[in-house]
Amino acid sequence: MTKLVKVQDAKANLSQLIREAEAGETVIVTRHGKPTVRLAVVEPEPETGPVRMAIEAFRNVPKGDIEFERDRTPWGEMDLDFD
């Protein structure tokens, strides 16, 4: 269902209109009786950072074609003097 709302009413009831848009209702704000703006839910953008890219790369590797070996190199000596 589409709900038409005047700008003045939208300013006074913005929180309620946002809740209605989040619930799936189409909310259109009008100015001088003409549709001007539509309230819409923002869809989250897919993650495209380096971690997400690495995860996707590993998902596409056929099983059995990759081997992992633990790096047993010592991290070095740690000095824990609390004096």
PDB file of N, CA and C in Angstrom:
ATOM      1  N   MET A   1       0.834  -1.161   0.000  1.00  0.00           N
ATOM      2  CA  MET A   1       0.000   0.000   0.000  1.00  0.00           C
ATOM      3  C   MET A   1       0.896   1.247   0.000  1.00  0.00           C
ATOM      4  N   THR A   2       0.503   2.261  -0.728  1.00  0.00           N
ATOM      5  CA  THR A   2       1.264   3.501  -0.800  1.00  0.00           C
ATOM      6  C   THR A   2       0.613   4.560   0.065  1.00  0.00           C
ATOM      7  N   LYS A   3       1.444   5.249   0.831  1.00  0.00           N
ATOM      8  CA  LYS A   3       0.957   6.296   1.714  1.00  0.00           C
ATOM      9  C   LYS A   3       1.534   7.623   1.238  1.00  0.00           C
ATOM     10  N   LEU A   4       0.667   8.593   0.924  1.00  0.00           N
ATOM     11  CA  LEU A   4       1.098   9.928   0.531  1.00  0.00           C
ATOM     12  C   LEU A   4       1.044  10.838   1.749  1.00  0.00           C
ATOM     13  N   VAL A   5       2.126  11.597   1.976  1.00  0.00           N
ATOM     14  CA  VAL A   5       2.234  12.447   3.157  1.00  0.00           C
ATOM     15  C   VAL A   5       2.756  13.821   2.725  1.00  0.00           C
ATOM     16  N   LYS A   6       2.137  14.878   3.225  1.00  0.00           N
ATOM     17  CA  LYS A   6       2.617  16.224   2.953  1.00  0.00           C
ATOM     18  C   LYS A   6       3.945  16.451   3.683  1.00  0.00           C
ATOM     19  N   VAL A   7       4.767  17.355   3.154  1.00  0.00           N
ATOM     20  CA  VAL A   7       6.060  17.644   3.760  1.00  0.00           C
ATOM     21  C   VAL A   7       5.902  18.027   5.229  1.00  0.00           C
ATOM     22  N   GLN A   8       4.938  18.890   5.521  1.00  0.00           N
ATOM     23  CA  GLN A   8       4.744  19.335   6.902  1.00  0.00           C
ATOM     24  C   GLN A   8       4.418  18.161   7.812  1.00  0.00           C
ATOM     25  N   ASP A   9       3.554  17.257   7.346  1.00  0.00           N
ATOM     26  CA  ASP A   9       3.198  16.082   8.150  1.00  0.00           C
ATOM     27  C   ASP A   9       4.384  15.130   8.284  1.00  0.00           C
ATOM     28  N   ALA A  10       5.194  15.033   7.234  1.00  0.00           N
ATOM     29  CA  ALA A  10       6.363  14.154   7.282  1.00  0.00           C
ATOM     30  C   ALA A  10       7.358  14.661   8.323  1.00  0.00           C
ATOM     31  N   LYS A  11       7.550  15.973   8.381  1.00  0.00           N
ATOM     32  CA  LYS A  11       8.460  16.548   9.373  1.00  0.00           C
ATOM     33  C   LYS A  11       7.966  16.265  10.788  1.00  0.00           C
ATOM     34  N   ALA A  12       6.670  16.329  10.990  1.00  0.00           N
ATOM     35  CA  ALA A  12       6.102  16.131  12.325  1.00  0.00           C
ATOM     36  C   ALA A  12       6.074  14.659  12.733  1.00  0.00           C
ATOM     37  N   ASN A  13       6.054  13.752  11.754  1.00  0.00           N
ATOM     38  CA  ASN A  13       5.883  12.320  12.049  1.00  0.00           C
ATOM     39  C   ASN A  13       6.980  11.461  11.428  1.00  0.00           C
ATOM     40  N   LEU A  14       8.172  12.008  11.292  1.00  0.00           N
ATOM     41  CA  LEU A  14       9.231  11.291  10.570  1.00  0.00           C
ATOM     42  C   LEU A  14       9.556   9.928  11.181  1.00  0.00           C
ATOM     43  N   SER A  15       9.674   9.844  12.487  1.00  0.00           N
ATOM     44  CA  SER A  15      10.013   8.559  13.119  1.00  0.00           C
ATOM     45  C   SER A  15       8.984   7.483  12.787  1.00  0.00           C
ATOM     46  N   GLN A  16       7.711   7.828  12.848  1.00  0.00           N
ATOM     47  CA  GLN A  16       6.650   6.870  12.538  1.00  0.00           C
ATOM     48  C   GLN A  16       6.703   6.470  11.069  1.00  0.00           C
ATOM     49  N   LEU A  17       6.944   7.422  10.192  1.00  0.00           N
ATOM     50  CA  LEU A  17       7.019   7.123   8.758  1.00  0.00           C
ATOM     51  C   LEU A  17       8.203   6.211   8.444  1.00  0.00           C
ATOM     52  N   ILE A  18       9.305   6.416   9.140  1.00  0.00           N
ATOM     53  CA  ILE A  18      10.463   5.543   8.950  1.00  0.00           C
ATOM     54  C   ILE A  18      10.124   4.127   9.384  1.00  0.00           C
ATOM     55  N   ARG A  19       9.451   3.977  10.518  1.00  0.00           N
ATOM     56  CA  ARG A  19       9.043   2.634  10.970  1.00  0.00           C
ATOM     57  C   ARG A  19       8.138   1.967   9.942  1.00  0.00           C
ATOM     58  N   GLU A  20       7.217   2.731   9.369  1.00  0.00           N
ATOM     59  CA  GLU A  20       6.309   2.172   8.368  1.00  0.00           C
ATOM     60  C   GLU A  20       7.074   1.745   7.117  1.00  0.00           C
ATOM     61  N   ALA A  21       8.036   2.552   6.690  1.00  0.00           N
ATOM     62  CA  ALA A  21       8.843   2.183   5.524  1.00  0.00           C
ATOM     63  C   ALA A  21       9.659   0.923   5.816  1.00  0.00           C
ATOM     64  N   GLU A  22      10.204   0.830   7.030  1.00  0.00           N
ATOM     65  CA  GLU A  22      10.958  -0.365   7.414  1.00  0.00           C
ATOM     66  C   GLU A  22      10.072  -1.606   7.417  1.00  0.00           C
ATOM     67  N   ALA A  23       8.785  -1.411   7.700  1.00  0.00           N
ATOM     68  CA  ALA A  23       7.843  -2.533   7.725  1.00  0.00           C
ATOM     69  C   ALA A  23       7.367  -2.914   6.327  1.00  0.00           C
ATOM     70  N   GLY A  24       7.828  -2.161   5.301  1.00  0.00           N
ATOM     71  CA  GLY A  24       7.487  -2.537   3.933  1.00  0.00           C
ATOM     72  C   GLY A  24       6.484  -1.630   3.247  1.00  0.00           C
ATOM     73  N   GLU A  25       5.959  -0.641   3.957  1.00  0.00           N
ATOM     74  CA  GLU A  25       4.994   0.260   3.340  1.00  0.00           C
ATOM     75  C   GLU A  25       5.719   1.295   2.486  1.00  0.00           C
ATOM     76  N   THR A  26       5.141   1.630   1.353  1.00  0.00           N
ATOM     77  CA  THR A  26       5.691   2.675   0.504  1.00  0.00           C
ATOM     78  C   THR A  26       5.196   4.017   1.021  1.00  0.00           C
ATOM     79  N   VAL A  27       6.130   4.902   1.353  1.00  0.00           N
ATOM     80  CA  VAL A  27       5.792   6.220   1.875  1.00  0.00           C
ATOM     81  C   VAL A  27       6.344   7.261   0.903  1.00  0.00           C
ATOM     82  N   ILE A  28       5.448   8.073   0.355  1.00  0.00           N
ATOM     83  CA  ILE A  28       5.848   9.116  -0.584  1.00  0.00           C
ATOM     84  C   ILE A  28       5.496  10.469   0.021  1.00  0.00           C
ATOM     85  N   VAL A  29       6.480  11.355   0.041  1.00  0.00           N
ATOM     86  CA  VAL A  29       6.284  12.710   0.567  1.00  0.00           C
ATOM     87  C   VAL A  29       5.929  13.610  -0.619  1.00  0.00           C
ATOM     88  N   THR A  30       4.889  14.416  -0.419  1.00  0.00           N
ATOM     89  CA  THR A  30       4.437  15.300  -1.495  1.00  0.00           C
ATOM     90  C   THR A  30       4.691  16.761  -1.127  1.00  0.00           C
ATOM     91  N   ARG A  31       4.888  17.575  -2.161  1.00  0.00           N
ATOM     92  CA  ARG A  31       5.005  19.024  -1.993  1.00  0.00           C
ATOM     93  C   ARG A  31       4.022  19.658  -2.979  1.00  0.00           C
ATOM     94  N   HIS A  32       3.131  20.452  -2.456  1.00  0.00           N
ATOM     95  CA  HIS A  32       2.082  21.081  -3.269  1.00  0.00           C
ATOM     96  C   HIS A  32       1.277  20.028  -4.047  1.00  0.00           C
ATOM     97  N   GLY A  33       1.075  18.878  -3.394  1.00  0.00           N
ATOM     98  CA  GLY A  33       0.262  17.824  -3.982  1.00  0.00           C
ATOM     99  C   GLY A  33       0.977  16.936  -4.988  1.00  0.00           C
ATOM    100  N   LYS A  34       2.261  17.191  -5.241  1.00  0.00           N
ATOM    101  CA  LYS A  34       3.008  16.389  -6.222  1.00  0.00           C
ATOM    102  C   LYS A  34       4.035  15.520  -5.501  1.00  0.00           C
ATOM    103  N   PRO A  35       4.140  14.241  -5.886  1.00  0.00           N
ATOM    104  CA  PRO A  35       5.130  13.356  -5.266  1.00  0.00           C
ATOM    105  C   PRO A  35       6.543  13.911  -5.450  1.00  0.00           C
ATOM    106  N   THR A  36       7.293  13.949  -4.342  1.00  0.00           N
ATOM    107  CA  THR A  36       8.635  14.518  -4.381  1.00  0.00           C
ATOM    108  C   THR A  36       9.703  13.509  -3.956  1.00  0.00           C
ATOM    109  N   VAL A  37       9.440  12.821  -2.836  1.00  0.00           N
ATOM    110  CA  VAL A  37      10.438  11.924  -2.256  1.00  0.00           C
ATOM    111  C   VAL A  37       9.765  10.639  -1.813  1.00  0.00           C
ATOM    112  N   ARG A  38      10.495   9.531  -1.963  1.00  0.00           N
ATOM    113  CA  ARG A  38      10.015   8.238  -1.472  1.00  0.00           C
ATOM    114  C   ARG A  38      10.936   7.772  -0.364  1.00  0.00           C
ATOM    115  N   LEU A  39      10.364   7.381   0.764  1.00  0.00           N
ATOM    116  CA  LEU A  39      11.164   6.802   1.848  1.00  0.00           C
ATOM    117  C   LEU A  39      11.383   5.329   1.522  1.00  0.00           C
ATOM    118  N   ALA A  40      12.630   4.924   1.571  1.00  0.00           N
ATOM    119  CA  ALA A  40      12.955   3.539   1.244  1.00  0.00           C
ATOM    120  C   ALA A  40      14.001   3.017   2.217  1.00  0.00           C
ATOM    121  N   VAL A  41      13.935   1.740   2.486  1.00  0.00           N
ATOM    122  CA  VAL A  41      14.906   1.085   3.345  1.00  0.00           C
ATOM    123  C   VAL A  41      16.213   0.945   2.570  1.00  0.00           C
ATOM    124  N   VAL A  42      17.313   1.241   3.217  1.00  0.00           N
ATOM    125  CA  VAL A  42      18.628   1.120   2.597  1.00  0.00           C
ATOM    126  C   VAL A  42      19.105  -0.315   2.783  1.00  0.00           C
ATOM    127  N   GLU A  43      19.394  -0.973   1.686  1.00  0.00           N
ATOM    128  CA  GLU A  43      19.903  -2.343   1.745  1.00  0.00           C
ATOM    129  C   GLU A  43      21.393  -2.294   2.059  1.00  0.00           C
ATOM    130  N   PRO A  44      21.867  -3.167   2.953  1.00  0.00           N
ATOM    131  CA  PRO A  44      23.298  -3.160   3.257  1.00  0.00           C
ATOM    132  C   PRO A  44      24.111  -3.538   2.027  1.00  0.00           C
ATOM    133  N   GLU A  45      25.210  -2.829   1.849  1.00  0.00           N
ATOM    134  CA  GLU A  45      26.079  -3.127   0.719  1.00  0.00           C
ATOM    135  C   GLU A  45      26.913  -4.356   1.047  1.00  0.00           C
ATOM    136  N   PRO A  46      27.184  -5.174   0.037  1.00  0.00           N
ATOM    137  CA  PRO A  46      28.004  -6.359   0.304  1.00  0.00           C
ATOM    138  C   PRO A  46      29.410  -5.939   0.718  1.00  0.00           C
ATOM    139  N   GLU A  47      29.990  -6.737   1.612  1.00  0.00           N
ATOM    140  CA  GLU A  47      31.344  -6.458   2.064  1.00  0.00           C
ATOM    141  C   GLU A  47      32.316  -6.742   0.925  1.00  0.00           C
ATOM    142  N   THR A  48      33.215  -5.812   0.673  1.00  0.00           N
ATOM    143  CA  THR A  48      34.162  -5.997  -0.423  1.00  0.00           C
ATOM    144  C   THR A  48      35.600  -5.763   0.024  1.00  0.00           C
ATOM    145  N   GLY A  49      35.835  -5.748   1.328  1.00  0.00           N
ATOM    146  CA  GLY A  49      37.173  -5.513   1.841  1.00  0.00           C
ATOM    147  C   GLY A  49      38.084  -6.706   1.599  1.00  0.00           C
ATOM    148  N   PRO A  50      39.365  -6.565   1.952  1.00  0.00           N
ATOM    149  CA  PRO A  50      40.335  -7.628   1.695  1.00  0.00           C
ATOM    150  C   PRO A  50      40.017  -8.931   2.409  1.00  0.00           C
ATOM    151  N   VAL A  51      39.464  -8.855   3.613  1.00  0.00           N
ATOM    152  CA  VAL A  51      39.124 -10.091   4.335  1.00  0.00           C
ATOM    153  C   VAL A  51      38.017 -10.823   3.599  1.00  0.00           C
ATOM    154  N   ARG A  52      36.970 -10.097   3.190  1.00  0.00           N
ATOM    155  CA  ARG A  52      35.862 -10.720   2.453  1.00  0.00           C
ATOM    156  C   ARG A  52      36.363 -11.313   1.141  1.00  0.00           C
ATOM    157  N   MET A  53      37.275 -10.606   0.459  1.00  0.00           N
ATOM    158  CA  MET A  53      37.812 -11.118  -0.806  1.00  0.00           C
ATOM    159  C   MET A  53      38.583 -12.416  -0.581  1.00  0.00           C
ATOM    160  N   ALA A  54      39.349 -12.495   0.513  1.00  0.00           N
ATOM    161  CA  ALA A  54      40.103 -13.710   0.814  1.00  0.00           C
ATOM    162  C   ALA A  54      39.164 -14.866   1.124  1.00  0.00           C
ATOM    163  N   ILE A  55      38.124 -14.590   1.886  1.00  0.00           N
ATOM    164  CA  ILE A  55      37.148 -15.632   2.212  1.00  0.00           C
ATOM    165  C   ILE A  55      36.507 -16.172   0.931  1.00  0.00           C
ATOM    166  N   GLU A  56      36.099 -15.275   0.055  1.00  0.00           N
ATOM    167  CA  GLU A  56      35.471 -15.706  -1.202  1.00  0.00           C
ATOM    168  C   GLU A  56      36.457 -16.492  -2.055  1.00  0.00           C
ATOM    169  N   ALA A  57      37.741 -16.105  -2.064  1.00  0.00           N
ATOM    170  CA  ALA A  57      38.747 -16.830  -2.843  1.00  0.00           C
ATOM    171  C   ALA A  57      38.892 -18.255  -2.325  1.00  0.00           C
ATOM    172  N   PHE A  58      38.925 -18.424  -0.999  1.00  0.00           N
ATOM    173  CA  PHE A  58      39.045 -19.762  -0.431  1.00  0.00           C
ATOM    174  C   PHE A  58      37.793 -20.589  -0.677  1.00  0.00           C
ATOM    175  N   ARG A  59      36.634 -19.967  -0.702  1.00  0.00           N
ATOM    176  CA  ARG A  59      35.405 -20.714  -0.969  1.00  0.00           C
ATOM    177  C   ARG A  59      35.393 -21.290  -2.377  1.00  0.00           C
ATOM    178  N   ASN A  60      36.087 -20.635  -3.293  1.00  0.00           N
ATOM    179  CA  ASN A  60      36.085 -21.074  -4.687  1.00  0.00           C
ATOM    180  C   ASN A  60      37.167 -22.094  -5.003  1.00  0.00           C
ATOM    181  N   VAL A  61      38.032 -22.420  -4.043  1.00  0.00           N
ATOM    182  CA  VAL A  61      39.071 -23.421  -4.258  1.00  0.00           C
ATOM    183  C   VAL A  61      38.450 -24.806  -4.103  1.00  0.00           C
ATOM    184  N   PRO A  62      38.612 -25.665  -5.112  1.00  0.00           N
ATOM    185  CA  PRO A  62      38.051 -27.031  -4.980  1.00  0.00           C
ATOM    186  C   PRO A  62      38.670 -27.754  -3.791  1.00  0.00           C
ATOM    187  N   LYS A  63      37.857 -28.511  -3.083  1.00  0.00           N
ATOM    188  CA  LYS A  63      38.333 -29.235  -1.912  1.00  0.00           C
ATOM    189  C   LYS A  63      39.404 -30.245  -2.322  1.00  0.00           C
ATOM    190  N   GLY A  64      40.432 -30.352  -1.497  1.00  0.00           N
ATOM    191  CA  GLY A  64      41.513 -31.295  -1.756  1.00  0.00           C
ATOM    192  C   GLY A  64      42.647 -30.706  -2.574  1.00  0.00           C
ATOM    193  N   ASP A  65      42.492 -29.514  -3.121  1.00  0.00           N
ATOM    194  CA  ASP A  65      43.529 -28.912  -3.954  1.00  0.00           C
ATOM    195  C   ASP A  65      44.433 -27.946  -3.194  1.00  0.00           C
ATOM    196  N   ILE A  66      44.244 -27.841  -1.895  1.00  0.00           N
ATOM    197  CA  ILE A  66      45.045 -26.894  -1.127  1.00  0.00           C
ATOM    198  C   ILE A  66      45.485 -27.559   0.173  1.00  0.00           C
ATOM    199  N   GLU A  67      46.751 -27.308   0.537  1.00  0.00           N
ATOM    200  CA  GLU A  67      47.282 -27.856   1.774  1.00  0.00           C
ATOM    201  C   GLU A  67      47.769 -26.715   2.648  1.00  0.00           C
ATOM    202  N   PHE A  68      47.588 -26.875   3.937  1.00  0.00           N
ATOM    203  CA  PHE A  68      48.056 -25.883   4.887  1.00  0.00           C
ATOM    204  C   PHE A  68      49.105 -26.506   5.775  1.00  0.00           C
ATOM    205  N   GLU A  69      50.118 -25.741   6.113  1.00  0.00           N
ATOM    206  CA  GLU A  69      51.144 -26.201   7.034  1.00  0.00           C
ATOM    207  C   GLU A  69      51.363 -25.115   8.063  1.00  0.00           C
ATOM    208  N   ARG A  70      51.429 -25.501   9.301  1.00  0.00           N
ATOM    209  CA  ARG A  70      51.611 -24.543  10.383  1.00  0.00           C
ATOM    210  C   ARG A  70      53.040 -24.019  10.391  1.00  0.00           C
ATOM    211  N   ASP A  71      53.167 -22.710  10.527  1.00  0.00           N
ATOM    212  CA  ASP A  71      54.478 -22.092  10.644  1.00  0.00           C
ATOM    213  C   ASP A  71      54.930 -22.221  12.093  1.00  0.00           C
ATOM    214  N   ARG A  72      55.968 -23.002  12.324  1.00  0.00           N
ATOM    215  CA  ARG A  72      56.441 -23.252  13.678  1.00  0.00           C
ATOM    216  C   ARG A  72      57.628 -22.360  14.049  1.00  0.00           C
ATOM    217  N   THR A  73      57.855 -21.304  13.294  1.00  0.00           N
ATOM    218  CA  THR A  73      58.928 -20.369  13.602  1.00  0.00           C
ATOM    219  C   THR A  73      58.629 -19.694  14.933  1.00  0.00           C
ATOM    220  N   PRO A  74      59.623 -19.700  15.862  1.00  0.00           N
ATOM    221  CA  PRO A  74      59.359 -19.056  17.161  1.00  0.00           C
ATOM    222  C   PRO A  74      59.161 -17.553  16.991  1.00  0.00           C
ATOM    223  N   TRP A  75      58.353 -17.008  17.842  1.00  0.00           N
ATOM    224  CA  TRP A  75      58.039 -15.575  17.780  1.00  0.00           C
ATOM    225  C   TRP A  75      59.181 -14.745  18.340  1.00  0.00           C
ATOM    226  N   GLY A  76      60.080 -15.367  19.022  1.00  0.00           N
ATOM    227  CA  GLY A  76      61.187 -14.636  19.623  1.00  0.00           C
ATOM    228  C   GLY A  76      61.070 -14.677  21.130  1.00  0.00           C
ATOM    229  N   GLU A  77      62.098 -14.186  21.763  1.00  0.00           N
ATOM    230  CA  GLU A  77      62.112 -14.185  23.221  1.00  0.00           C
ATOM    231  C   GLU A  77      61.264 -13.023  23.748  1.00  0.00           C
ATOM    232  N   MET A  78      60.596 -13.301  24.851  1.00  0.00           N
ATOM    233  CA  MET A  78      59.808 -12.250  25.481  1.00  0.00           C
ATOM    234  C   MET A  78      60.404 -11.956  26.847  1.00  0.00           C
ATOM    235  N   ASP A  79      60.617 -10.699  27.124  1.00  0.00           N
ATOM    236  CA  ASP A  79      61.156 -10.278  28.406  1.00  0.00           C
ATOM    237  C   ASP A  79      60.016  -9.818  29.286  1.00  0.00           C
ATOM    238  N   LEU A  80      59.771 -10.531  30.371  1.00  0.00           N
ATOM    239  CA  LEU A  80      58.663 -10.223  31.251  1.00  0.00           C
ATOM    240  C   LEU A  80      59.142  -9.712  32.597  1.00  0.00           C
ATOM    241  N   ASP A  81      60.044  -8.747  32.592  1.00  0.00           N
ATOM    242  CA  ASP A  81      60.529  -8.155  33.845  1.00  0.00           C
ATOM    243  C   ASP A  81      59.482  -7.204  34.384  1.00  0.00           C
ATOM    244  N   PHE A  82      59.095  -7.410  35.634  1.00  0.00           N
ATOM    245  CA  PHE A  82      58.099  -6.557  36.276  1.00  0.00           C
ATOM    246  C   PHE A  82      58.708  -5.703  37.376  1.00  0.00           C
ATOM    247  N   ASP A  83      60.025  -5.478  37.307  1.00  0.00           N
ATOM    248  CA  ASP A  83      60.712  -4.700  38.354  1.00  0.00           C
ATOM    249  C   ASP A  83      60.444  -3.234  38.200  1.00  0.00           C
TER     250      ASP A  83
END
